[in-house]
Amino acid sequence: MKKHYSHFASLPLVHRIGVLSSILTTLLGVLYFVVILISILTGKFVLPPAEDLQLFAGIVSLLVCPIIVAMMASLHEITLPGKRILSQISLGFTLLFALSVSINRFSQLGVVRQAVNAGNMEGIARMLAYGEYSVMLGIEYLGWSWFLGLAMLFAAFLFSNGRIGHWLRWSMMTYGILSLISAVGFLLGNWLSMLAFVAWGIVLFVVSGLLTVHFWRGQEYISG
């Protein structure tokens, strides 16, 4: 443990932020996955989910948005100048993702929850997270599927060398492809939208876990 702490303390600031943000993203993702899995196994997972589960999901999403921004900003900072256009575009889409999802979740935790608890449903129906023709669900897909999907696709091309680089490239591409297909599926109103949950709930946290290893190695730049 002391050896690991010494190694972490010796890393440049950008790598320390990268390690912390990617670890936190992974841990929150694992926590979310475990809670959902327990709900499914105990027969408590229904649509719409119970209020406590929606509250939990909203808090986790609101926390993870700025953490993912920090993770992708760290990646941008260690990218070679020749490839920084890719990491900069990726970071830009990540910021749009965080904005979209944060607007949705902040509104859900504040305005919508308070209105429902007060029994005032006037004008709230389309803002319910799992309501019919939910505007807020559309904003969620816009963030996680469209914007973060594009961010991951551009970031994927930063990597090509080494085992970790190879896995990062393909896991980011997998997230991007599944997410963009799910976004189109959402627009068309068909089953393809369900692919989002594979990307958001599993692949994203494979990416963040691999990025933890990448930042931990402390390479000054992404070599390709």
C-alpha atoms as a PDB file:
ATOM      1  CA  MET A   1       0.000   0.000   0.000  1.00  0.00           C
ATOM      2  CA  LYS A   2       2.805   2.399   0.934  1.00  0.00           C
ATOM      3  CA  LYS A   3       4.576   1.581  -2.330  1.00  0.00           C
ATOM      4  CA  HIS A   4       1.416   2.334  -4.316  1.00  0.00           C
ATOM      5  CA  TYR A   5       0.889   5.618  -2.473  1.00  0.00           C
ATOM      6  CA  SER A   6       4.503   6.622  -3.144  1.00  0.00           C
ATOM      7  CA  HIS A   7       4.050   5.856  -6.825  1.00  0.00           C
ATOM      8  CA  PHE A   8       0.804   7.848  -6.939  1.00  0.00           C
ATOM      9  CA  ALA A   9       2.417  10.816  -5.146  1.00  0.00           C
ATOM     10  CA  SER A  10       5.293  10.798  -7.623  1.00  0.00           C
ATOM     11  CA  LEU A  11       2.993  11.070 -10.636  1.00  0.00           C
ATOM     12  CA  PRO A  12       2.510  14.455 -12.372  1.00  0.00           C
ATOM     13  CA  LEU A  13      -0.682  16.270 -11.371  1.00  0.00           C
ATOM     14  CA  VAL A  14      -2.454  15.471 -14.645  1.00  0.00           C
ATOM     15  CA  HIS A  15      -1.891  11.740 -14.109  1.00  0.00           C
ATOM     16  CA  ARG A  16      -3.057  11.906 -10.499  1.00  0.00           C
ATOM     17  CA  ILE A  17      -6.266  13.617 -11.594  1.00  0.00           C
ATOM     18  CA  GLY A  18      -6.601  11.025 -14.347  1.00  0.00           C
ATOM     19  CA  VAL A  19      -6.147   8.121 -11.922  1.00  0.00           C
ATOM     20  CA  LEU A  20      -8.593   9.525  -9.363  1.00  0.00           C
ATOM     21  CA  SER A  21     -11.276  10.469 -11.891  1.00  0.00           C
ATOM     22  CA  SER A  22     -11.103   7.161 -13.759  1.00  0.00           C
ATOM     23  CA  ILE A  23     -11.137   5.127 -10.511  1.00  0.00           C
ATOM     24  CA  LEU A  24     -14.135   7.084  -9.217  1.00  0.00           C
ATOM     25  CA  THR A  25     -15.958   6.635 -12.534  1.00  0.00           C
ATOM     26  CA  THR A  26     -15.326   2.886 -12.370  1.00  0.00           C
ATOM     27  CA  LEU A  27     -16.358   2.553  -8.710  1.00  0.00           C
ATOM     28  CA  LEU A  28     -19.578   4.525  -9.219  1.00  0.00           C
ATOM     29  CA  GLY A  29     -20.330   2.407 -12.272  1.00  0.00           C
ATOM     30  CA  VAL A  30     -19.766  -0.839 -10.379  1.00  0.00           C
ATOM     31  CA  LEU A  31     -21.926   0.426  -7.494  1.00  0.00           C
ATOM     32  CA  TYR A  32     -24.721   1.354  -9.910  1.00  0.00           C
ATOM     33  CA  PHE A  33     -24.480  -2.036 -11.669  1.00  0.00           C
ATOM     34  CA  VAL A  34     -24.597  -3.942  -8.354  1.00  0.00           C
ATOM     35  CA  VAL A  35     -27.629  -1.996  -7.116  1.00  0.00           C
ATOM     36  CA  ILE A  36     -29.503  -2.617 -10.385  1.00  0.00           C
ATOM     37  CA  LEU A  37     -28.510  -6.309 -10.352  1.00  0.00           C
ATOM     38  CA  ILE A  38     -29.753  -6.728  -6.766  1.00  0.00           C
ATOM     39  CA  SER A  39     -33.024  -5.028  -7.739  1.00  0.00           C
ATOM     40  CA  ILE A  40     -33.455  -7.437 -10.664  1.00  0.00           C
ATOM     41  CA  LEU A  41     -32.607 -10.538  -8.602  1.00  0.00           C
ATOM     42  CA  THR A  42     -34.994  -9.547  -5.814  1.00  0.00           C
ATOM     43  CA  GLY A  43     -37.797  -8.780  -8.251  1.00  0.00           C
ATOM     44  CA  LYS A  44     -37.864  -5.101  -7.311  1.00  0.00           C
ATOM     45  CA  PHE A  45     -36.763  -3.788 -10.703  1.00  0.00           C
ATOM     46  CA  VAL A  46     -39.837  -2.514 -12.520  1.00  0.00           C
ATOM     47  CA  LEU A  47     -40.592   0.251 -14.999  1.00  0.00           C
ATOM     48  CA  PRO A  48     -40.852   2.924 -13.924  1.00  0.00           C
ATOM     49  CA  PRO A  49     -38.295   2.133 -11.181  1.00  0.00           C
ATOM     50  CA  ALA A  50     -39.184   2.750  -7.542  1.00  0.00           C
ATOM     51  CA  GLU A  51     -38.660   6.299  -6.290  1.00  0.00           C
ATOM     52  CA  ASP A  52     -35.645   5.357  -4.131  1.00  0.00           C
ATOM     53  CA  LEU A  53     -33.948   3.692  -7.101  1.00  0.00           C
ATOM     54  CA  GLN A  54     -34.599   6.732  -9.302  1.00  0.00           C
ATOM     55  CA  LEU A  55     -33.177   8.957  -6.565  1.00  0.00           C
ATOM     56  CA  PHE A  56     -30.066   6.796  -6.327  1.00  0.00           C
ATOM     57  CA  ALA A  57     -29.586   6.785 -10.122  1.00  0.00           C
ATOM     58  CA  GLY A  58     -30.032  10.558 -10.281  1.00  0.00           C
ATOM     59  CA  ILE A  59     -27.423  11.200  -7.595  1.00  0.00           C
ATOM     60  CA  VAL A  60     -24.901   8.813  -9.180  1.00  0.00           C
ATOM     61  CA  SER A  61     -25.387  10.371 -12.633  1.00  0.00           C
ATOM     62  CA  LEU A  62     -25.049  13.902 -11.277  1.00  0.00           C
ATOM     63  CA  LEU A  63     -21.813  12.938  -9.485  1.00  0.00           C
ATOM     64  CA  VAL A  64     -20.276  11.057 -12.390  1.00  0.00           C
ATOM     65  CA  CYS A  65     -20.728  13.847 -14.980  1.00  0.00           C
ATOM     66  CA  PRO A  66     -17.993  16.214 -13.684  1.00  0.00           C
ATOM     67  CA  ILE A  67     -15.768  13.221 -12.891  1.00  0.00           C
ATOM     68  CA  ILE A  68     -15.915  12.025 -16.517  1.00  0.00           C
ATOM     69  CA  VAL A  69     -15.118  15.576 -17.666  1.00  0.00           C
ATOM     70  CA  ALA A  70     -11.992  15.520 -15.448  1.00  0.00           C
ATOM     71  CA  MET A  71     -11.047  12.091 -16.837  1.00  0.00           C
ATOM     72  CA  MET A  72     -11.320  13.187 -20.467  1.00  0.00           C
ATOM     73  CA  ALA A  73      -9.598  16.523 -19.761  1.00  0.00           C
ATOM     74  CA  SER A  74      -6.660  14.585 -18.283  1.00  0.00           C
ATOM     75  CA  LEU A  75      -6.565  12.438 -21.415  1.00  0.00           C
ATOM     76  CA  HIS A  76      -6.487  15.568 -23.561  1.00  0.00           C
ATOM     77  CA  GLU A  77      -3.578  16.994 -21.557  1.00  0.00           C
ATOM     78  CA  ILE A  78      -1.331  13.953 -22.148  1.00  0.00           C
ATOM     79  CA  THR A  79      -2.076  13.674 -25.869  1.00  0.00           C
ATOM     80  CA  LEU A  80       0.722  14.404 -28.318  1.00  0.00           C
ATOM     81  CA  PRO A  81       0.328  17.721 -30.193  1.00  0.00           C
ATOM     82  CA  GLY A  82      -0.183  15.905 -33.488  1.00  0.00           C
ATOM     83  CA  LYS A  83      -3.283  14.159 -32.144  1.00  0.00           C
ATOM     84  CA  ARG A  84      -4.632  16.863 -29.855  1.00  0.00           C
ATOM     85  CA  ILE A  85      -7.322  17.856 -32.340  1.00  0.00           C
ATOM     86  CA  LEU A  86      -8.913  14.451 -31.672  1.00  0.00           C
ATOM     87  CA  SER A  87      -8.686  14.750 -27.891  1.00  0.00           C
ATOM     88  CA  GLN A  88      -9.947  18.344 -28.017  1.00  0.00           C
ATOM     89  CA  ILE A  89     -13.007  17.355 -30.071  1.00  0.00           C
ATOM     90  CA  SER A  90     -13.575  14.450 -27.679  1.00  0.00           C
ATOM     91  CA  LEU A  91     -13.374  16.766 -24.664  1.00  0.00           C
ATOM     92  CA  GLY A  92     -15.804  19.187 -26.304  1.00  0.00           C
ATOM     93  CA  PHE A  93     -18.391  16.437 -26.810  1.00  0.00           C
ATOM     94  CA  THR A  94     -17.780  15.262 -23.225  1.00  0.00           C
ATOM     95  CA  LEU A  95     -18.641  18.743 -21.949  1.00  0.00           C
ATOM     96  CA  LEU A  96     -21.877  18.669 -23.955  1.00  0.00           C
ATOM     97  CA  PHE A  97     -22.635  15.232 -22.500  1.00  0.00           C
ATOM     98  CA  ALA A  98     -22.102  16.473 -18.944  1.00  0.00           C
ATOM     99  CA  LEU A  99     -24.268  19.532 -19.571  1.00  0.00           C
ATOM    100  CA  SER A 100     -27.148  17.502 -21.037  1.00  0.00           C
ATOM    101  CA  VAL A 101     -27.197  14.809 -18.368  1.00  0.00           C
ATOM    102  CA  SER A 102     -26.678  17.283 -15.521  1.00  0.00           C
ATOM    103  CA  ILE A 103     -29.604  19.446 -16.691  1.00  0.00           C
ATOM    104  CA  ASN A 104     -31.780  16.343 -16.784  1.00  0.00           C
ATOM    105  CA  ARG A 105     -30.737  14.890 -13.430  1.00  0.00           C
ATOM    106  CA  PHE A 106     -30.625  18.231 -11.594  1.00  0.00           C
ATOM    107  CA  SER A 107     -34.150  18.995 -12.812  1.00  0.00           C
ATOM    108  CA  GLN A 108     -35.320  15.509 -11.848  1.00  0.00           C
ATOM    109  CA  LEU A 109     -33.876  15.740  -8.341  1.00  0.00           C
ATOM    110  CA  GLY A 110     -35.152  19.273  -7.842  1.00  0.00           C
ATOM    111  CA  VAL A 111     -38.187  20.510  -9.759  1.00  0.00           C
ATOM    112  CA  VAL A 112     -39.769  17.191 -10.744  1.00  0.00           C
ATOM    113  CA  ARG A 113     -39.317  15.386  -7.421  1.00  0.00           C
ATOM    114  CA  GLN A 114     -40.574  18.378  -5.440  1.00  0.00           C
ATOM    115  CA  ALA A 115     -43.605  18.791  -7.711  1.00  0.00           C
ATOM    116  CA  VAL A 116     -44.508  15.091  -7.465  1.00  0.00           C
ATOM    117  CA  ASN A 117     -44.109  15.101  -3.673  1.00  0.00           C
ATOM    118  CA  ALA A 118     -46.347  18.179  -3.477  1.00  0.00           C
ATOM    119  CA  GLY A 119     -48.961  16.482  -5.668  1.00  0.00           C
ATOM    120  CA  ASN A 120     -48.700  19.240  -8.282  1.00  0.00           C
ATOM    121  CA  MET A 121     -48.517  17.412 -11.603  1.00  0.00           C
ATOM    122  CA  GLU A 122     -49.513  20.327 -13.832  1.00  0.00           C
ATOM    123  CA  GLY A 123     -47.033  20.532 -16.711  1.00  0.00           C
ATOM    124  CA  ILE A 124     -44.843  17.767 -15.203  1.00  0.00           C
ATOM    125  CA  ALA A 125     -45.962  14.729 -17.221  1.00  0.00           C
ATOM    126  CA  ARG A 126     -43.460  15.195 -20.076  1.00  0.00           C
ATOM    127  CA  MET A 127     -40.649  15.833 -17.551  1.00  0.00           C
ATOM    128  CA  LEU A 128     -41.040  12.506 -15.747  1.00  0.00           C
ATOM    129  CA  ALA A 129     -37.948  10.387 -16.362  1.00  0.00           C
ATOM    130  CA  TYR A 130     -39.971   7.357 -17.463  1.00  0.00           C
ATOM    131  CA  GLY A 131     -43.181   9.048 -18.522  1.00  0.00           C
ATOM    132  CA  GLU A 132     -44.789   8.591 -21.917  1.00  0.00           C
ATOM    133  CA  TYR A 133     -42.946  10.662 -24.553  1.00  0.00           C
ATOM    134  CA  SER A 134     -40.602  11.940 -21.846  1.00  0.00           C
ATOM    135  CA  VAL A 135     -38.597  15.008 -22.871  1.00  0.00           C
ATOM    136  CA  MET A 136     -36.128  14.321 -20.059  1.00  0.00           C
ATOM    137  CA  LEU A 137     -35.436  10.784 -21.281  1.00  0.00           C
ATOM    138  CA  GLY A 138     -34.644  12.330 -24.664  1.00  0.00           C
ATOM    139  CA  ILE A 139     -32.128  14.664 -23.021  1.00  0.00           C
ATOM    140  CA  GLU A 140     -30.595  11.649 -21.236  1.00  0.00           C
ATOM    141  CA  TYR A 141     -30.105   9.871 -24.561  1.00  0.00           C
ATOM    142  CA  LEU A 142     -28.724  13.052 -26.093  1.00  0.00           C
ATOM    143  CA  GLY A 143     -26.037  13.096 -23.407  1.00  0.00           C
ATOM    144  CA  TRP A 144     -25.063   9.464 -22.813  1.00  0.00           C
ATOM    145  CA  SER A 145     -25.657   8.128 -26.323  1.00  0.00           C
ATOM    146  CA  TRP A 146     -25.126  10.970 -28.789  1.00  0.00           C
ATOM    147  CA  PHE A 147     -22.568  13.309 -27.209  1.00  0.00           C
ATOM    148  CA  LEU A 148     -20.575  10.787 -25.134  1.00  0.00           C
ATOM    149  CA  GLY A 149     -20.760   8.298 -27.995  1.00  0.00           C
ATOM    150  CA  LEU A 150     -19.108  10.843 -30.302  1.00  0.00           C
ATOM    151  CA  ALA A 151     -16.582  11.720 -27.582  1.00  0.00           C
ATOM    152  CA  MET A 152     -15.540   8.087 -27.246  1.00  0.00           C
ATOM    153  CA  LEU A 153     -15.261   7.561 -30.988  1.00  0.00           C
ATOM    154  CA  PHE A 154     -12.859  10.468 -31.389  1.00  0.00           C
ATOM    155  CA  ALA A 155     -10.862   9.417 -28.306  1.00  0.00           C
ATOM    156  CA  ALA A 156     -10.557   5.850 -29.616  1.00  0.00           C
ATOM    157  CA  PHE A 157      -8.229   6.987 -32.387  1.00  0.00           C
ATOM    158  CA  LEU A 158      -5.748   8.322 -29.841  1.00  0.00           C
ATOM    159  CA  PHE A 159      -4.689   4.749 -29.047  1.00  0.00           C
ATOM    160  CA  SER A 160      -2.997   2.090 -31.131  1.00  0.00           C
ATOM    161  CA  ASN A 161       0.120   0.818 -29.332  1.00  0.00           C
ATOM    162  CA  GLY A 162       0.413  -1.748 -26.558  1.00  0.00           C
ATOM    163  CA  ARG A 163      -2.138  -4.083 -24.998  1.00  0.00           C
ATOM    164  CA  ILE A 164      -3.854  -1.379 -22.919  1.00  0.00           C
ATOM    165  CA  GLY A 165      -3.891   0.981 -25.915  1.00  0.00           C
ATOM    166  CA  HIS A 166      -5.419  -1.756 -28.068  1.00  0.00           C
ATOM    167  CA  TRP A 167      -8.163  -2.481 -25.531  1.00  0.00           C
ATOM    168  CA  LEU A 168      -8.864   1.201 -24.973  1.00  0.00           C
ATOM    169  CA  ARG A 169      -9.244   1.766 -28.706  1.00  0.00           C
ATOM    170  CA  TRP A 170     -11.721  -1.062 -29.159  1.00  0.00           C
ATOM    171  CA  SER A 171     -13.692  -0.522 -25.950  1.00  0.00           C
ATOM    172  CA  MET A 172     -14.102   3.187 -26.788  1.00  0.00           C
ATOM    173  CA  MET A 173     -15.167   2.305 -30.311  1.00  0.00           C
ATOM    174  CA  THR A 174     -17.636  -0.243 -28.919  1.00  0.00           C
ATOM    175  CA  TYR A 175     -19.134   2.369 -26.603  1.00  0.00           C
ATOM    176  CA  GLY A 176     -19.341   4.896 -29.431  1.00  0.00           C
ATOM    177  CA  ILE A 177     -20.946   2.533 -31.947  1.00  0.00           C
ATOM    178  CA  LEU A 178     -23.477   1.052 -29.507  1.00  0.00           C
ATOM    179  CA  SER A 179     -24.382   4.488 -28.183  1.00  0.00           C
ATOM    180  CA  LEU A 180     -24.868   6.115 -31.571  1.00  0.00           C
ATOM    181  CA  ILE A 181     -26.978   3.181 -32.787  1.00  0.00           C
ATOM    182  CA  SER A 182     -29.070   3.455 -29.612  1.00  0.00           C
ATOM    183  CA  ALA A 183     -29.503   7.203 -30.208  1.00  0.00           C
ATOM    184  CA  VAL A 184     -30.841   6.484 -33.696  1.00  0.00           C
ATOM    185  CA  GLY A 185     -33.037   3.763 -32.213  1.00  0.00           C
ATOM    186  CA  PHE A 186     -34.445   6.260 -29.728  1.00  0.00           C
ATOM    187  CA  LEU A 187     -35.228   8.716 -32.535  1.00  0.00           C
ATOM    188  CA  LEU A 188     -36.967   5.947 -34.489  1.00  0.00           C
ATOM    189  CA  GLY A 189     -38.747   4.632 -31.399  1.00  0.00           C
ATOM    190  CA  ASN A 190     -37.549   1.034 -31.752  1.00  0.00           C
ATOM    191  CA  TRP A 191     -35.678  -1.655 -29.783  1.00  0.00           C
ATOM    192  CA  LEU A 192     -32.223  -0.442 -30.863  1.00  0.00           C
ATOM    193  CA  SER A 193     -32.479   2.197 -28.143  1.00  0.00           C
ATOM    194  CA  MET A 194     -31.960  -0.604 -25.589  1.00  0.00           C
ATOM    195  CA  LEU A 195     -28.347  -1.034 -26.747  1.00  0.00           C
ATOM    196  CA  ALA A 196     -27.638   2.121 -24.750  1.00  0.00           C
ATOM    197  CA  PHE A 197     -27.819   0.217 -21.481  1.00  0.00           C
ATOM    198  CA  VAL A 198     -25.019  -2.135 -22.561  1.00  0.00           C
ATOM    199  CA  ALA A 199     -22.840   0.871 -23.410  1.00  0.00           C
ATOM    200  CA  TRP A 200     -23.755   3.006 -20.394  1.00  0.00           C
ATOM    201  CA  GLY A 201     -23.910   0.200 -17.853  1.00  0.00           C
ATOM    202  CA  ILE A 202     -20.977  -2.022 -18.848  1.00  0.00           C
ATOM    203  CA  VAL A 203     -18.683  -0.763 -21.623  1.00  0.00           C
ATOM    204  CA  LEU A 204     -18.162   2.729 -20.152  1.00  0.00           C
ATOM    205  CA  PHE A 205     -16.733   1.295 -16.955  1.00  0.00           C
ATOM    206  CA  VAL A 206     -14.439  -1.043 -18.864  1.00  0.00           C
ATOM    207  CA  VAL A 207     -13.099   2.120 -20.547  1.00  0.00           C
ATOM    208  CA  SER A 208     -12.624   3.956 -17.243  1.00  0.00           C
ATOM    209  CA  GLY A 209     -10.940   0.905 -15.685  1.00  0.00           C
ATOM    210  CA  LEU A 210      -8.474   0.705 -18.570  1.00  0.00           C
ATOM    211  CA  LEU A 211      -7.847   4.447 -18.335  1.00  0.00           C
ATOM    212  CA  THR A 212      -6.981   3.999 -14.655  1.00  0.00           C
ATOM    213  CA  VAL A 213      -4.163   1.657 -15.688  1.00  0.00           C
ATOM    214  CA  HIS A 214      -3.099   4.026 -18.456  1.00  0.00           C
ATOM    215  CA  PHE A 215      -2.840   7.040 -16.150  1.00  0.00           C
ATOM    216  CA  TRP A 216      -1.196   4.965 -13.409  1.00  0.00           C
ATOM    217  CA  ARG A 217       1.670   4.121 -15.763  1.00  0.00           C
ATOM    218  CA  GLY A 218       2.499   7.826 -15.865  1.00  0.00           C
ATOM    219  CA  GLN A 219       3.486   8.101 -19.509  1.00  0.00           C
ATOM    220  CA  GLU A 220       4.189  11.725 -20.368  1.00  0.00           C
ATOM    221  CA  TYR A 221       2.283  11.485 -23.649  1.00  0.00           C
ATOM    222  CA  ILE A 222       0.034   9.059 -25.452  1.00  0.00           C
ATOM    223  CA  SER A 223       2.463   7.503 -27.886  1.00  0.00           C
ATOM    224  CA  GLY A 224      -0.124   6.407 -30.411  1.00  0.00           C
END
